[in-house]
Amino acid sequence: RSLTGESTAPTMSIIFPISMGLLSLPLGRCPKPRMFWGSAYADPTSIPWVICFLLYGPFSYLTAAIIGAAGIATLSPELTPHVGASLKFIGTTTAIFAAAVVNAVYLGNTYPNPYWRNFEHIFTTAVIAGLVRAAIILPIDYHLAIPYYKSMQKKRKVTKKEGVKEFGGMMRYILILGSFNIWLTAFDILVPWAILYLLGFKDKIE
């Protein structure tokens, strides 16, 4: 579907997500302030990916996200670009497919969806998606990502327990990273939504 709800040529549904995937590469290379465990406070890399989702659905999103994540893993100057790109892809994809399930179950499986014209509706979807994302990402961070990142940073092996200790214990680890993943999901979904709104696309979702 097009922005006006009309059918688009198959070539457009291919060209648009490829273009958005390529657009995410310079965004992925932008310097970003980071938390002590390595995650960026906010990462604009996935904005083009999620625009694809909001307009064309999950498969358009996947095309853009795979291109973007692969490029970032290869080209980014970060300390651990492959880890960052993988976590960005896994975290955002988990959130997006949770949003797609909400869309399919409650709203009808159409893109763009008129239900998401309303900020309260898209915000609720983002919170649900953030909770799902947190449930998936926290174990990955605990077992793999944080120990690996801290080991690279300190140039020695850092254990899982050491990684959690820097948060002040397991409970603080869960609260901090759980809240952080909800924040990241809100950013990932609401910023692209706001861009479409400001560009005048919101009213054409019909």
Protein backbone atom coordinates (compact mmCIF):
# COMPACT_ATOMS: atom_id res chain seq x y z
CA ARG A 1 0.00 0.00 0.00
CA SER A 2 1.09 3.56 -0.67
CA LEU A 3 0.91 6.51 1.72
CA THR A 4 -2.51 7.31 0.27
CA GLY A 5 -3.77 3.76 0.70
CA GLU A 6 -3.50 2.90 -3.00
CA SER A 7 -1.66 -0.10 -4.39
CA THR A 8 1.99 0.41 -5.23
CA ALA A 9 4.07 -1.28 -7.90
CA PRO A 10 6.09 -4.26 -6.66
CA THR A 11 9.29 -2.38 -7.50
CA MET A 12 8.42 0.37 -5.00
CA SER A 13 7.92 -2.14 -2.19
CA ILE A 14 11.45 -3.36 -2.90
CA ILE A 15 13.22 -0.07 -3.64
CA PHE A 16 11.84 1.78 -0.59
CA PRO A 17 13.12 -0.61 2.13
CA ILE A 18 16.48 -1.01 0.36
CA SER A 19 16.82 2.78 0.30
CA MET A 20 15.86 2.99 3.97
CA GLY A 21 18.37 0.29 4.87
CA LEU A 22 21.13 2.23 3.14
CA LEU A 23 19.99 5.45 4.79
CA SER A 24 20.47 3.86 8.22
CA LEU A 25 24.22 3.32 7.57
CA PRO A 26 25.34 6.93 8.12
CA LEU A 27 23.00 7.14 11.12
CA GLY A 28 24.71 4.07 12.57
CA ARG A 29 28.12 5.73 12.23
CA CYS A 30 27.09 8.92 14.07
CA PRO A 31 28.83 9.39 17.46
CA LYS A 32 26.44 8.55 20.31
CA PRO A 33 26.72 9.11 24.09
CA ARG A 34 26.79 5.71 25.77
CA MET A 35 25.79 4.12 29.05
CA PHE A 36 28.51 2.44 31.09
CA TRP A 37 27.56 -0.99 29.72
CA GLY A 38 27.99 0.14 26.11
CA SER A 39 24.45 0.89 24.87
CA ALA A 40 23.73 4.27 23.31
CA TYR A 41 21.32 6.55 25.21
CA ALA A 42 19.29 6.77 22.01
CA ASP A 43 20.12 5.32 18.62
CA PRO A 44 18.61 6.77 15.42
CA THR A 45 19.90 3.87 13.31
CA SER A 46 16.56 2.08 13.22
CA ILE A 47 14.40 5.12 12.38
CA PRO A 48 14.36 4.31 8.62
CA TRP A 49 13.68 0.62 9.39
CA VAL A 50 10.62 1.44 11.51
CA ILE A 51 9.31 3.91 8.95
CA CYS A 52 9.24 0.93 6.58
CA PHE A 53 7.25 -1.03 9.15
CA LEU A 54 4.70 1.69 9.82
CA LEU A 55 4.08 2.22 6.12
CA TYR A 56 4.50 -1.24 4.59
CA GLY A 57 4.66 -3.83 7.37
CA PRO A 58 7.14 -6.30 8.90
CA PHE A 59 8.66 -7.72 5.72
CA SER A 60 9.57 -4.28 4.43
CA TYR A 61 11.05 -3.62 7.87
CA LEU A 62 13.14 -6.81 7.70
CA THR A 63 14.62 -5.88 4.34
CA ALA A 64 15.75 -2.48 5.63
CA ALA A 65 16.93 -3.84 8.98
CA ILE A 66 19.03 -6.66 7.53
CA ILE A 67 20.76 -4.27 5.11
CA GLY A 68 21.33 -1.70 7.84
CA ALA A 69 22.55 -4.10 10.52
CA ALA A 70 24.93 -5.89 8.13
CA GLY A 71 26.38 -2.59 7.00
CA ILE A 72 26.83 -1.28 10.54
CA ALA A 73 28.49 -4.52 11.70
CA THR A 74 30.98 -4.12 8.87
CA LEU A 75 31.57 -0.37 8.75
CA SER A 76 30.95 1.05 12.24
CA PRO A 77 34.00 2.41 14.14
CA GLU A 78 32.57 1.30 17.52
CA LEU A 79 34.52 -0.93 19.93
CA THR A 80 32.30 -3.95 19.23
CA PRO A 81 30.33 -3.11 16.05
CA HIS A 82 29.13 -6.67 15.39
CA VAL A 83 27.71 -6.94 18.91
CA GLY A 84 26.07 -3.53 18.73
CA ALA A 85 24.57 -4.22 15.31
CA SER A 86 23.32 -7.65 16.39
CA LEU A 87 21.69 -6.33 19.55
CA LYS A 88 20.14 -3.42 17.66
CA PHE A 89 18.72 -5.82 15.10
CA ILE A 90 17.49 -8.38 17.65
CA GLY A 91 16.05 -5.77 20.02
CA THR A 92 14.30 -3.68 17.40
CA THR A 93 13.06 -6.73 15.48
CA THR A 94 11.64 -8.27 18.65
CA ALA A 95 9.80 -5.01 19.39
CA ILE A 96 8.55 -4.62 15.82
CA PHE A 97 7.19 -8.14 15.58
CA ALA A 98 5.50 -7.71 18.96
CA ALA A 99 3.90 -4.57 17.51
CA ALA A 100 2.94 -6.54 14.38
CA VAL A 101 1.21 -9.17 16.55
CA VAL A 102 -0.73 -6.43 18.36
CA ASN A 103 -1.63 -5.04 14.95
CA ALA A 104 -2.78 -8.41 13.58
CA VAL A 105 -4.76 -9.47 16.67
CA TYR A 106 -6.47 -6.23 17.59
CA LEU A 107 -6.30 -3.88 14.63
CA GLY A 108 -6.40 -5.91 11.45
CA ASN A 109 -3.29 -6.82 9.53
CA THR A 110 -3.03 -3.72 7.33
CA TYR A 111 -0.23 -1.19 6.83
CA PRO A 112 -0.38 1.69 7.32
CA ASN A 113 -3.02 1.23 10.02
CA PRO A 114 -5.55 3.97 10.86
CA TYR A 115 -5.59 2.89 14.52
CA TRP A 116 -2.08 4.31 14.86
CA ARG A 117 -3.18 7.81 13.93
CA ASN A 118 -3.90 8.22 17.64
CA PHE A 119 -0.81 8.84 19.81
CA GLU A 120 -2.29 6.91 22.76
CA HIS A 121 -2.71 3.83 20.58
CA ILE A 122 0.81 3.88 19.13
CA PHE A 123 2.22 4.64 22.61
CA THR A 124 0.40 1.64 24.11
CA THR A 125 1.74 -0.55 21.31
CA ALA A 126 5.27 0.74 21.98
CA VAL A 127 5.04 -0.07 25.70
CA ILE A 128 3.84 -3.63 25.00
CA ALA A 129 6.61 -4.08 22.44
CA GLY A 130 9.14 -2.69 24.94
CA LEU A 131 8.18 -5.24 27.59
CA VAL A 132 8.61 -8.06 25.08
CA ARG A 133 11.94 -6.63 23.98
CA ALA A 134 13.17 -6.42 27.57
CA ALA A 135 12.25 -10.06 28.21
CA ILE A 136 14.36 -11.13 25.23
CA ILE A 137 17.32 -8.76 25.54
CA LEU A 138 18.02 -8.95 29.30
CA PRO A 139 19.19 -12.60 29.21
CA ILE A 140 21.29 -11.90 26.09
CA ASP A 141 22.92 -8.91 27.78
CA TYR A 142 23.55 -10.90 30.95
CA HIS A 143 25.06 -14.00 29.36
CA LEU A 144 26.81 -12.54 26.31
CA ALA A 145 26.77 -8.86 25.42
CA ILE A 146 27.77 -7.08 28.63
CA PRO A 147 30.55 -9.51 29.64
CA TYR A 148 31.95 -9.35 26.10
CA TYR A 149 31.78 -5.56 25.86
CA LYS A 150 33.32 -5.04 29.30
CA SER A 151 36.04 -7.59 28.54
CA MET A 152 36.96 -5.69 25.36
CA GLN A 153 36.84 -2.39 27.24
CA LYS A 154 39.01 -3.57 30.16
CA LYS A 155 41.21 -5.89 28.07
CA ARG A 156 40.61 -8.79 30.43
CA LYS A 157 37.91 -11.40 30.89
CA VAL A 158 34.88 -9.99 32.72
CA THR A 159 32.44 -12.54 34.14
CA LYS A 160 28.65 -12.30 34.15
CA LYS A 161 28.66 -11.69 37.91
CA GLU A 162 31.16 -8.84 37.52
CA GLY A 163 28.97 -7.29 34.85
CA VAL A 164 25.90 -7.39 37.07
CA LYS A 165 27.89 -6.08 40.03
CA GLU A 166 28.53 -2.84 38.13
CA PHE A 167 24.74 -2.28 38.14
CA GLY A 168 24.61 -2.77 41.91
CA GLY A 169 23.17 -6.29 41.89
CA MET A 170 20.71 -8.41 39.95
CA MET A 171 17.59 -6.50 40.98
CA ARG A 172 19.04 -3.17 39.88
CA TYR A 173 20.27 -4.83 36.69
CA ILE A 174 16.73 -5.98 35.85
CA LEU A 175 15.14 -2.64 36.75
CA ILE A 176 17.71 -0.51 34.93
CA LEU A 177 17.95 -2.58 31.75
CA GLY A 178 14.23 -3.38 31.73
CA SER A 179 13.36 0.33 31.88
CA PHE A 180 16.09 1.14 29.38
CA ASN A 181 14.74 -1.33 26.82
CA ILE A 182 11.24 0.11 27.17
CA TRP A 183 12.73 3.57 26.60
CA LEU A 184 14.66 2.37 23.53
CA THR A 185 11.51 0.82 22.08
CA ALA A 186 9.53 3.99 22.68
CA PHE A 187 12.27 5.92 20.88
CA ASP A 188 12.46 3.39 18.04
CA ILE A 189 8.71 3.47 17.37
CA LEU A 190 7.54 6.95 18.41
CA VAL A 191 10.27 8.98 16.69
CA PRO A 192 9.52 7.47 13.24
CA TRP A 193 5.80 7.93 13.95
CA ALA A 194 6.43 11.58 14.83
CA ILE A 195 8.46 12.08 11.64
CA LEU A 196 5.60 10.72 9.53
CA TYR A 197 3.17 12.91 11.49
CA LEU A 198 5.24 16.05 10.97
CA LEU A 199 5.71 15.31 7.27
CA GLY A 200 1.94 15.12 6.88
CA PHE A 201 1.69 11.37 6.31
CA LYS A 202 -0.36 10.65 9.43
CA ASP A 203 -3.65 11.88 7.94
CA LYS A 204 -3.11 9.75 4.84
CA ILE A 205 -3.14 6.54 6.87
CA GLU A 206 -6.63 5.39 5.91
